[in-house]
Structure formats: structure tokens, C-alpha cells
């Protein structure tokens, strides 16, 4: 089963505290989880107020389905986070 691994680099210019940052990220993660079958976690920059890296992963039965689902996830992330996304990378792995 192929695996899709997505990395989102995020810049939060209006966050004035870690509490502001966590609120924005929690809302984005909840919405993305509700709209897709990805597991999502913040994996870097936990101590910085205005920067975050989210990583998401999912599996599918075949590569075509995985590519479609990953594309939908990226579009949803762009809709939810908009200009806050600095970089987005999707990697496909075949175990």
C-alpha cells in the first residue's frame, strides 16, 4: 500500500503568543481531519510563535487513489490556511 506524506510550512504573522499559534493550528488541524483521512501533527518549531510545520500522512489501496486524496488534502489546506502556507511538499512512498 502506497503512503502519502505531506509537509506544510506555515507562517503566522499575527500570532503574539504560543496560545494564538495553537488556536489557529488546532482549528486548521480539526478542519483538515474532518475533511480528509490524514493523520496530522505539528512536528517542528513548537517553541516559535509565528512559525509551524505540520506533517500529515495517509495510505490508500493504490497510487491513483492516493494521488487524488493527497491533491484534495493540499487544496483543502490552501483553502483553510490560505496565505499562511509558505511551502507545501507531498512525497509518495512505496513500502
Protein backbone atom coordinates (compact mmCIF):
# COMPACT_ATOMS: atom_id res chain seq x y z
CA UNK A 1 0.00 0.00 0.00
CA UNK A 2 1.45 3.37 -1.00
CA UNK A 3 1.82 6.16 1.54
CA UNK A 4 1.39 9.92 1.03
CA UNK A 5 3.41 12.20 3.29
CA UNK A 6 2.61 15.94 3.21
CA UNK A 7 4.64 18.71 4.86
CA UNK A 8 3.17 22.19 5.38
CA UNK A 9 5.44 25.07 6.41
CA UNK A 10 3.31 27.80 7.96
CA UNK A 11 4.00 31.42 8.90
CA UNK A 12 1.62 33.06 11.38
CA UNK A 13 2.49 36.78 11.22
CA UNK A 14 -0.28 37.89 13.59
CA UNK A 15 0.39 35.38 16.38
CA UNK A 16 1.52 37.23 19.50
CA UNK A 17 1.88 34.19 21.74
CA UNK A 18 2.06 30.41 21.63
CA UNK A 19 -1.59 30.45 22.67
CA UNK A 20 -2.53 32.36 19.47
CA UNK A 21 -0.50 29.95 17.39
CA UNK A 22 -2.01 26.84 19.00
CA UNK A 23 -5.55 28.16 18.48
CA UNK A 24 -5.01 28.67 14.75
CA UNK A 25 -3.25 25.33 14.30
CA UNK A 26 -5.83 23.39 16.32
CA UNK A 27 -8.68 24.82 14.23
CA UNK A 28 -6.86 24.05 10.98
CA UNK A 29 -5.98 20.51 12.07
CA UNK A 30 -9.55 19.79 13.19
CA UNK A 31 -10.99 21.02 9.91
CA UNK A 32 -8.46 19.09 7.84
CA UNK A 33 -9.04 15.88 9.81
CA UNK A 34 -12.79 16.28 9.34
CA UNK A 35 -12.44 16.65 5.57
CA UNK A 36 -9.78 14.02 4.92
CA UNK A 37 -8.42 10.74 6.18
CA UNK A 38 -4.99 12.12 7.14
CA UNK A 39 -3.22 11.91 10.47
CA UNK A 40 -1.79 15.36 11.25
CA UNK A 41 0.79 16.54 13.77
CA UNK A 42 2.88 19.62 14.48
CA UNK A 43 6.46 18.35 14.27
CA UNK A 44 8.75 21.39 14.37
CA UNK A 45 9.02 24.96 15.64
CA UNK A 46 6.86 24.25 18.69
CA UNK A 47 8.61 26.99 20.67
CA UNK A 48 8.25 29.71 17.99
CA UNK A 49 5.18 31.94 17.93
CA UNK A 50 4.95 32.70 14.24
CA UNK A 51 6.20 29.54 12.60
CA UNK A 52 4.92 25.96 12.39
CA UNK A 53 5.44 22.76 10.46
CA UNK A 54 2.56 20.35 10.12
CA UNK A 55 3.05 16.89 8.70
CA UNK A 56 0.24 14.67 7.52
CA UNK A 57 0.20 11.07 6.38
CA UNK A 58 -2.31 8.65 4.85
CA UNK A 59 -2.38 5.34 2.98
CA UNK A 60 -4.51 4.03 0.12
CA UNK A 61 -5.03 0.81 -1.77
CA UNK A 62 -3.47 2.12 -4.98
CA UNK A 63 -1.35 5.01 -6.21
CA UNK A 64 -4.12 6.69 -8.27
CA UNK A 65 -6.44 6.93 -5.28
CA UNK A 66 -3.62 8.16 -3.08
CA UNK A 67 -2.68 10.88 -5.55
CA UNK A 68 -6.30 12.07 -5.78
CA UNK A 69 -6.72 12.10 -1.98
CA UNK A 70 -3.40 13.92 -1.45
CA UNK A 71 -4.34 16.55 -4.04
CA UNK A 72 -7.65 17.12 -2.28
CA UNK A 73 -5.83 17.46 1.07
CA UNK A 74 -3.47 20.12 -0.33
CA UNK A 75 -6.39 22.08 -1.83
CA UNK A 76 -8.26 21.92 1.49
CA UNK A 77 -5.16 23.08 3.38
CA UNK A 78 -4.78 26.00 0.97
CA UNK A 79 -8.46 26.91 1.42
CA UNK A 80 -8.23 26.77 5.21
CA UNK A 81 -4.80 28.34 5.76
CA UNK A 82 -4.53 30.47 2.62
CA UNK A 83 -1.51 32.77 2.53
CA UNK A 84 -0.20 31.36 5.82
CA UNK A 85 1.28 28.40 3.92
CA UNK A 86 4.86 29.17 2.94
CA UNK A 87 5.72 25.76 1.46
CA UNK A 88 3.88 22.52 0.76
CA UNK A 89 5.53 19.27 -0.26
CA UNK A 90 3.92 15.91 -0.95
CA UNK A 91 6.02 12.75 -1.03
CA UNK A 92 4.79 9.32 -2.09
CA UNK A 93 6.38 6.23 -0.57
CA UNK A 94 6.02 2.61 -1.58
CA UNK A 95 6.82 0.35 1.40
